[in-house]
Amino acid sequence: MVSTVTTSTVMTVTTVAVASSLALIAVMTLFTLLVQKEVAATARERWARALDRSLNIGIIPLLLAFLTLVALRIAELIK
């Protein structure tokens, strides 16, 4: 019985740690892509305009993930 509880606790703590790490990586990647988009938006070269548009491919899903993370944290606080 004790080993089952201990195993469950360790798995839960590990899962939470991994989820927090992935959330941090996603937020940092979103931040980096947004900075790159701003830099590309200020450049006048043709490749910079193409980069500006293509960065949306990564920004939009990460932005949705970020909004989901924020909503879950708010729901956790309200609970």
PDB file of N, CA and C in Angstrom:
ATOM      1  N   MET A   1       0.820  -1.188   0.000  1.00  0.00           N
ATOM      2  CA  MET A   1       0.000   0.000   0.000  1.00  0.00           C
ATOM      3  C   MET A   1       0.864   1.251   0.000  1.00  0.00           C
ATOM      4  N   VAL A   2       1.885   1.270   0.869  1.00  0.00           N
ATOM      5  CA  VAL A   2       2.746   2.443   0.969  1.00  0.00           C
ATOM      6  C   VAL A   2       3.514   2.660  -0.323  1.00  0.00           C
ATOM      7  N   SER A   3       3.968   1.584  -0.959  1.00  0.00           N
ATOM      8  CA  SER A   3       4.722   1.745  -2.202  1.00  0.00           C
ATOM      9  C   SER A   3       3.830   2.275  -3.319  1.00  0.00           C
ATOM     10  N   THR A   4       2.555   1.909  -3.322  1.00  0.00           N
ATOM     11  CA  THR A   4       1.623   2.423  -4.321  1.00  0.00           C
ATOM     12  C   THR A   4       1.401   3.909  -4.144  1.00  0.00           C
ATOM     13  N   VAL A   5       1.224   4.351  -2.918  1.00  0.00           N
ATOM     14  CA  VAL A   5       1.035   5.768  -2.633  1.00  0.00           C
ATOM     15  C   VAL A   5       2.294   6.543  -2.985  1.00  0.00           C
ATOM     16  N   THR A   6       3.451   6.012  -2.631  1.00  0.00           N
ATOM     17  CA  THR A   6       4.716   6.672  -2.929  1.00  0.00           C
ATOM     18  C   THR A   6       4.929   6.774  -4.436  1.00  0.00           C
ATOM     19  N   THR A   7       4.658   5.696  -5.152  1.00  0.00           N
ATOM     20  CA  THR A   7       4.802   5.701  -6.605  1.00  0.00           C
ATOM     21  C   THR A   7       3.852   6.706  -7.239  1.00  0.00           C
ATOM     22  N   SER A   8       2.624   6.764  -6.772  1.00  0.00           N
ATOM     23  CA  SER A   8       1.654   7.720  -7.303  1.00  0.00           C
ATOM     24  C   SER A   8       2.088   9.152  -7.034  1.00  0.00           C
ATOM     25  N   THR A   9       2.600   9.404  -5.860  1.00  0.00           N
ATOM     26  CA  THR A   9       3.058  10.741  -5.507  1.00  0.00           C
ATOM     27  C   THR A   9       4.233  11.165  -6.372  1.00  0.00           C
ATOM     28  N   VAL A  10       5.182  10.272  -6.546  1.00  0.00           N
ATOM     29  CA  VAL A  10       6.350  10.573  -7.378  1.00  0.00           C
ATOM     30  C   VAL A  10       5.930  10.833  -8.815  1.00  0.00           C
ATOM     31  N   MET A  11       5.038  10.043  -9.339  1.00  0.00           N
ATOM     32  CA  MET A  11       4.563  10.235 -10.706  1.00  0.00           C
ATOM     33  C   MET A  11       3.843  11.560 -10.864  1.00  0.00           C
ATOM     34  N   THR A  12       3.035  11.935  -9.877  1.00  0.00           N
ATOM     35  CA  THR A  12       2.314  13.204  -9.930  1.00  0.00           C
ATOM     36  C   THR A  12       3.282  14.374  -9.895  1.00  0.00           C
ATOM     37  N   VAL A  13       4.250  14.324  -9.003  1.00  0.00           N
ATOM     38  CA  VAL A  13       5.232  15.401  -8.903  1.00  0.00           C
ATOM     39  C   VAL A  13       6.041  15.502 -10.191  1.00  0.00           C
ATOM     40  N   THR A  14       6.429  14.374 -10.747  1.00  0.00           N
ATOM     41  CA  THR A  14       7.190  14.362 -11.999  1.00  0.00           C
ATOM     42  C   THR A  14       6.368  14.927 -13.142  1.00  0.00           C
ATOM     43  N   THR A  15       5.107  14.545 -13.220  1.00  0.00           N
ATOM     44  CA  THR A  15       4.231  15.043 -14.274  1.00  0.00           C
ATOM     45  C   THR A  15       4.048  16.550 -14.174  1.00  0.00           C
ATOM     46  N   VAL A  16       3.861  17.060 -12.985  1.00  0.00           N
ATOM     47  CA  VAL A  16       3.698  18.503 -12.788  1.00  0.00           C
ATOM     48  C   VAL A  16       4.982  19.227 -13.163  1.00  0.00           C
ATOM     49  N   ALA A  17       6.130  18.677 -12.804  1.00  0.00           N
ATOM     50  CA  ALA A  17       7.409  19.307 -13.134  1.00  0.00           C
ATOM     51  C   ALA A  17       7.634  19.343 -14.640  1.00  0.00           C
ATOM     52  N   VAL A  18       7.320  18.248 -15.311  1.00  0.00           N
ATOM     53  CA  VAL A  18       7.482  18.199 -16.764  1.00  0.00           C
ATOM     54  C   VAL A  18       6.519  19.172 -17.433  1.00  0.00           C
ATOM     55  N   ALA A  19       5.288  19.230 -16.979  1.00  0.00           N
ATOM     56  CA  ALA A  19       4.303  20.152 -17.554  1.00  0.00           C
ATOM     57  C   ALA A  19       4.734  21.598 -17.351  1.00  0.00           C
ATOM     58  N   SER A  20       5.259  21.920 -16.197  1.00  0.00           N
ATOM     59  CA  SER A  20       5.727  23.278 -15.936  1.00  0.00           C
ATOM     60  C   SER A  20       6.916  23.619 -16.826  1.00  0.00           C
ATOM     61  N   SER A  21       7.806  22.666 -17.029  1.00  0.00           N
ATOM     62  CA  SER A  21       8.961  22.887 -17.895  1.00  0.00           C
ATOM     63  C   SER A  21       8.524  23.124 -19.336  1.00  0.00           C
ATOM     64  N   LEU A  22       7.577  22.326 -19.804  1.00  0.00           N
ATOM     65  CA  LEU A  22       7.081  22.499 -21.167  1.00  0.00           C
ATOM     66  C   LEU A  22       6.362  23.832 -21.324  1.00  0.00           C
ATOM     67  N   ALA A  23       5.633  24.239 -20.310  1.00  0.00           N
ATOM     68  CA  ALA A  23       4.949  25.533 -20.367  1.00  0.00           C
ATOM     69  C   ALA A  23       5.964  26.667 -20.441  1.00  0.00           C
ATOM     70  N   LEU A  24       7.022  26.569 -19.665  1.00  0.00           N
ATOM     71  CA  LEU A  24       8.062  27.590 -19.690  1.00  0.00           C
ATOM     72  C   LEU A  24       8.748  27.641 -21.048  1.00  0.00           C
ATOM     73  N   ILE A  25       9.033  26.484 -21.623  1.00  0.00           N
ATOM     74  CA  ILE A  25       9.652  26.439 -22.955  1.00  0.00           C
ATOM     75  C   ILE A  25       8.725  27.051 -23.996  1.00  0.00           C
ATOM     76  N   ALA A  26       7.437  26.763 -23.926  1.00  0.00           N
ATOM     77  CA  ALA A  26       6.479  27.318 -24.883  1.00  0.00           C
ATOM     78  C   ALA A  26       6.387  28.837 -24.766  1.00  0.00           C
ATOM     79  N   VAL A  27       6.365  29.345 -23.555  1.00  0.00           N
ATOM     80  CA  VAL A  27       6.267  30.795 -23.350  1.00  0.00           C
ATOM     81  C   VAL A  27       7.537  31.488 -23.829  1.00  0.00           C
ATOM     82  N   MET A  28       8.687  30.909 -23.547  1.00  0.00           N
ATOM     83  CA  MET A  28       9.946  31.513 -23.998  1.00  0.00           C
ATOM     84  C   MET A  28      10.061  31.474 -25.527  1.00  0.00           C
ATOM     85  N   THR A  29       9.599  30.400 -26.137  1.00  0.00           N
ATOM     86  CA  THR A  29       9.604  30.318 -27.593  1.00  0.00           C
ATOM     87  C   THR A  29       8.664  31.355 -28.191  1.00  0.00           C
ATOM     88  N   LEU A  30       7.495  31.518 -27.592  1.00  0.00           N
ATOM     89  CA  LEU A  30       6.558  32.543 -28.056  1.00  0.00           C
ATOM     90  C   LEU A  30       7.182  33.922 -27.949  1.00  0.00           C
ATOM     91  N   PHE A  31       7.823  34.210 -26.836  1.00  0.00           N
ATOM     92  CA  PHE A  31       8.477  35.503 -26.645  1.00  0.00           C
ATOM     93  C   PHE A  31       9.549  35.730 -27.716  1.00  0.00           C
ATOM     94  N   THR A  32      10.358  34.715 -27.973  1.00  0.00           N
ATOM     95  CA  THR A  32      11.417  34.830 -28.975  1.00  0.00           C
ATOM     96  C   THR A  32      10.842  35.077 -30.367  1.00  0.00           C
ATOM     97  N   LEU A  33       9.799  34.347 -30.727  1.00  0.00           N
ATOM     98  CA  LEU A  33       9.183  34.537 -32.038  1.00  0.00           C
ATOM     99  C   LEU A  33       8.554  35.921 -32.175  1.00  0.00           C
ATOM    100  N   LEU A  34       7.951  36.425 -31.100  1.00  0.00           N
ATOM    101  CA  LEU A  34       7.361  37.759 -31.157  1.00  0.00           C
ATOM    102  C   LEU A  34       8.430  38.834 -31.318  1.00  0.00           C
ATOM    103  N   VAL A  35       9.566  38.662 -30.654  1.00  0.00           N
ATOM    104  CA  VAL A  35      10.678  39.611 -30.814  1.00  0.00           C
ATOM    105  C   VAL A  35      11.201  39.562 -32.253  1.00  0.00           C
ATOM    106  N   GLN A  36      11.368  38.356 -32.792  1.00  0.00           N
ATOM    107  CA  GLN A  36      11.832  38.217 -34.168  1.00  0.00           C
ATOM    108  C   GLN A  36      10.848  38.855 -35.152  1.00  0.00           C
ATOM    109  N   LYS A  37       9.563  38.714 -34.875  1.00  0.00           N
ATOM    110  CA  LYS A  37       8.548  39.310 -35.754  1.00  0.00           C
ATOM    111  C   LYS A  37       8.653  40.821 -35.734  1.00  0.00           C
ATOM    112  N   GLU A  38       8.869  41.402 -34.573  1.00  0.00           N
ATOM    113  CA  GLU A  38       9.012  42.853 -34.486  1.00  0.00           C
ATOM    114  C   GLU A  38      10.266  43.334 -35.209  1.00  0.00           C
ATOM    115  N   VAL A  39      11.345  42.598 -35.066  1.00  0.00           N
ATOM    116  CA  VAL A  39      12.582  42.964 -35.762  1.00  0.00           C
ATOM    117  C   VAL A  39      12.384  42.860 -37.272  1.00  0.00           C
ATOM    118  N   ALA A  40      11.745  41.793 -37.713  1.00  0.00           N
ATOM    119  CA  ALA A  40      11.505  41.611 -39.153  1.00  0.00           C
ATOM    120  C   ALA A  40      10.534  42.655 -39.691  1.00  0.00           C
ATOM    121  N   ALA A  41       9.606  43.106 -38.866  1.00  0.00           N
ATOM    122  CA  ALA A  41       8.625  44.101 -39.324  1.00  0.00           C
ATOM    123  C   ALA A  41       9.275  45.459 -39.565  1.00  0.00           C
ATOM    124  N   THR A  42      10.363  45.749 -38.869  1.00  0.00           N
ATOM    125  CA  THR A  42      11.015  47.050 -39.042  1.00  0.00           C
ATOM    126  C   THR A  42      11.966  47.068 -40.225  1.00  0.00           C
ATOM    127  N   ALA A  43      12.386  45.911 -40.711  1.00  0.00           N
ATOM    128  CA  ALA A  43      13.301  45.842 -41.853  1.00  0.00           C
ATOM    129  C   ALA A  43      12.524  46.051 -43.150  1.00  0.00           C
ATOM    130  N   ARG A  44      13.222  46.564 -44.143  1.00  0.00           N
ATOM    131  CA  ARG A  44      12.567  46.849 -45.415  1.00  0.00           C
ATOM    132  C   ARG A  44      12.891  45.823 -46.505  1.00  0.00           C
ATOM    133  N   GLU A  45      13.751  44.890 -46.232  1.00  0.00           N
ATOM    134  CA  GLU A  45      14.125  43.910 -47.244  1.00  0.00           C
ATOM    135  C   GLU A  45      12.974  42.947 -47.529  1.00  0.00           C
ATOM    136  N   ARG A  46      13.033  42.371 -48.690  1.00  0.00           N
ATOM    137  CA  ARG A  46      11.979  41.454 -49.109  1.00  0.00           C
ATOM    138  C   ARG A  46      11.940  40.202 -48.227  1.00  0.00           C
ATOM    139  N   TRP A  47      13.116  39.670 -47.880  1.00  0.00           N
ATOM    140  CA  TRP A  47      13.175  38.460 -47.068  1.00  0.00           C
ATOM    141  C   TRP A  47      12.622  38.711 -45.671  1.00  0.00           C
ATOM    142  N   ALA A  48      12.794  39.953 -45.176  1.00  0.00           N
ATOM    143  CA  ALA A  48      12.288  40.273 -43.838  1.00  0.00           C
ATOM    144  C   ALA A  48      10.761  40.287 -43.828  1.00  0.00           C
ATOM    145  N   ARG A  49      10.174  40.770 -44.914  1.00  0.00           N
ATOM    146  CA  ARG A  49       8.704  40.763 -44.990  1.00  0.00           C
ATOM    147  C   ARG A  49       8.171  39.333 -45.067  1.00  0.00           C
ATOM    148  N   ALA A  50       8.883  38.475 -45.799  1.00  0.00           N
ATOM    149  CA  ALA A  50       8.481  37.065 -45.886  1.00  0.00           C
ATOM    150  C   ALA A  50       8.638  36.385 -44.522  1.00  0.00           C
ATOM    151  N   LEU A  51       9.716  36.709 -43.822  1.00  0.00           N
ATOM    152  CA  LEU A  51       9.926  36.159 -42.481  1.00  0.00           C
ATOM    153  C   LEU A  51       8.837  36.636 -41.534  1.00  0.00           C
ATOM    154  N   ASP A  52       8.472  37.900 -41.646  1.00  0.00           N
ATOM    155  CA  ASP A  52       7.423  38.467 -40.798  1.00  0.00           C
ATOM    156  C   ASP A  52       6.119  37.688 -40.959  1.00  0.00           C
ATOM    157  N   ARG A  53       5.768  37.378 -42.181  1.00  0.00           N
ATOM    158  CA  ARG A  53       4.535  36.617 -42.417  1.00  0.00           C
ATOM    159  C   ARG A  53       4.664  35.159 -41.993  1.00  0.00           C
ATOM    160  N   SER A  54       5.816  34.564 -42.225  1.00  0.00           N
ATOM    161  CA  SER A  54       5.969  33.143 -41.916  1.00  0.00           C
ATOM    162  C   SER A  54       6.080  32.868 -40.415  1.00  0.00           C
ATOM    163  N   LEU A  55       6.467  33.850 -39.631  1.00  0.00           N
ATOM    164  CA  LEU A  55       6.542  33.649 -38.181  1.00  0.00           C
ATOM    165  C   LEU A  55       5.173  33.423 -37.561  1.00  0.00           C
ATOM    166  N   ASN A  56       4.123  33.837 -38.252  1.00  0.00           N
ATOM    167  CA  ASN A  56       2.766  33.603 -37.747  1.00  0.00           C
ATOM    168  C   ASN A  56       2.453  32.117 -37.624  1.00  0.00           C
ATOM    169  N   ILE A  57       3.134  31.295 -38.430  1.00  0.00           N
ATOM    170  CA  ILE A  57       2.907  29.854 -38.376  1.00  0.00           C
ATOM    171  C   ILE A  57       3.248  29.307 -36.995  1.00  0.00           C
ATOM    172  N   GLY A  58       4.271  29.837 -36.375  1.00  0.00           N
ATOM    173  CA  GLY A  58       4.644  29.397 -35.039  1.00  0.00           C
ATOM    174  C   GLY A  58       3.973  30.186 -33.937  1.00  0.00           C
ATOM    175  N   ILE A  59       3.705  31.460 -34.210  1.00  0.00           N
ATOM    176  CA  ILE A  59       3.164  32.333 -33.165  1.00  0.00           C
ATOM    177  C   ILE A  59       1.727  31.981 -32.812  1.00  0.00           C
ATOM    178  N   ILE A  60       0.915  31.719 -33.792  1.00  0.00           N
ATOM    179  CA  ILE A  60      -0.514  31.490 -33.533  1.00  0.00           C
ATOM    180  C   ILE A  60      -0.760  30.272 -32.638  1.00  0.00           C
ATOM    181  N   PRO A  61      -0.175  29.101 -32.918  1.00  0.00           N
ATOM    182  CA  PRO A  61      -0.416  27.968 -31.999  1.00  0.00           C
ATOM    183  C   PRO A  61       0.168  28.199 -30.608  1.00  0.00           C
ATOM    184  N   LEU A  62       1.342  28.837 -30.541  1.00  0.00           N
ATOM    185  CA  LEU A  62       1.934  29.109 -29.231  1.00  0.00           C
ATOM    186  C   LEU A  62       1.110  30.130 -28.461  1.00  0.00           C
ATOM    187  N   LEU A  63       0.520  31.084 -29.164  1.00  0.00           N
ATOM    188  CA  LEU A  63      -0.345  32.057 -28.509  1.00  0.00           C
ATOM    189  C   LEU A  63      -1.593  31.374 -27.949  1.00  0.00           C
ATOM    190  N   LEU A  64      -2.146  30.437 -28.694  1.00  0.00           N
ATOM    191  CA  LEU A  64      -3.295  29.679 -28.198  1.00  0.00           C
ATOM    192  C   LEU A  64      -2.909  28.836 -26.979  1.00  0.00           C
ATOM    193  N   ALA A  65      -1.721  28.241 -27.022  1.00  0.00           N
ATOM    194  CA  ALA A  65      -1.246  27.466 -25.870  1.00  0.00           C
ATOM    195  C   ALA A  65      -1.045  28.381 -24.663  1.00  0.00           C
ATOM    196  N   PHE A  66      -0.504  29.571 -24.895  1.00  0.00           N
ATOM    197  CA  PHE A  66      -0.297  30.519 -23.808  1.00  0.00           C
ATOM    198  C   PHE A  66      -1.628  30.948 -23.190  1.00  0.00           C
ATOM    199  N   LEU A  67      -2.607  31.238 -24.032  1.00  0.00           N
ATOM    200  CA  LEU A  67      -3.925  31.630 -23.520  1.00  0.00           C
ATOM    201  C   LEU A  67      -4.561  30.489 -22.722  1.00  0.00           C
ATOM    202  N   THR A  68      -4.354  29.259 -23.179  1.00  0.00           N
ATOM    203  CA  THR A  68      -4.866  28.107 -22.441  1.00  0.00           C
ATOM    204  C   THR A  68      -4.185  27.979 -21.083  1.00  0.00           C
ATOM    205  N   LEU A  69      -2.871  28.181 -21.059  1.00  0.00           N
ATOM    206  CA  LEU A  69      -2.134  28.132 -19.789  1.00  0.00           C
ATOM    207  C   LEU A  69      -2.627  29.193 -18.822  1.00  0.00           C
ATOM    208  N   VAL A  70      -2.839  30.397 -19.333  1.00  0.00           N
ATOM    209  CA  VAL A  70      -3.323  31.484 -18.479  1.00  0.00           C
ATOM    210  C   VAL A  70      -4.716  31.163 -17.950  1.00  0.00           C
ATOM    211  N   ALA A  71      -5.572  30.650 -18.821  1.00  0.00           N
ATOM    212  CA  ALA A  71      -6.932  30.313 -18.393  1.00  0.00           C
ATOM    213  C   ALA A  71      -6.915  29.219 -17.326  1.00  0.00           C
ATOM    214  N   LEU A  72      -6.044  28.237 -17.497  1.00  0.00           N
ATOM    215  CA  LEU A  72      -5.959  27.167 -16.496  1.00  0.00           C
ATOM    216  C   LEU A  72      -5.422  27.685 -15.166  1.00  0.00           C
ATOM    217  N   ARG A  73      -4.447  28.585 -15.221  1.00  0.00           N
ATOM    218  CA  ARG A  73      -3.905  29.150 -13.970  1.00  0.00           C
ATOM    219  C   ARG A  73      -4.958  29.990 -13.258  1.00  0.00           C
ATOM    220  N   ILE A  74      -5.737  30.754 -14.014  1.00  0.00           N
ATOM    221  CA  ILE A  74      -6.800  31.567 -13.411  1.00  0.00           C
ATOM    222  C   ILE A  74      -7.870  30.665 -12.806  1.00  0.00           C
ATOM    223  N   ALA A  75      -8.227  29.597 -13.527  1.00  0.00           N
ATOM    224  CA  ALA A  75      -9.209  28.649 -13.004  1.00  0.00           C
ATOM    225  C   ALA A  75      -8.694  27.978 -11.735  1.00  0.00           C
ATOM    226  N   GLU A  76      -7.397  27.705 -11.697  1.00  0.00           N
ATOM    227  CA  GLU A  76      -6.796  27.108 -10.514  1.00  0.00           C
ATOM    228  C   GLU A  76      -6.834  28.061  -9.320  1.00  0.00           C
ATOM    229  N   LEU A  77      -6.625  29.334  -9.583  1.00  0.00           N
ATOM    230  CA  LEU A  77      -6.675  30.333  -8.504  1.00  0.00           C
ATOM    231  C   LEU A  77      -8.088  30.546  -7.986  1.00  0.00           C
ATOM    232  N   ILE A  78      -9.055  30.524  -8.887  1.00  0.00           N
ATOM    233  CA  ILE A  78     -10.447  30.744  -8.493  1.00  0.00           C
ATOM    234  C   ILE A  78     -10.968  29.552  -7.695  1.00  0.00           C
ATOM    235  N   LYS A  79     -10.523  28.382  -8.049  1.00  0.00           N
ATOM    236  CA  LYS A  79     -10.993  27.155  -7.399  1.00  0.00           C
ATOM    237  C   LYS A  79     -10.668  27.183  -5.966  1.00  0.00           C
TER     238      LYS A  79
END
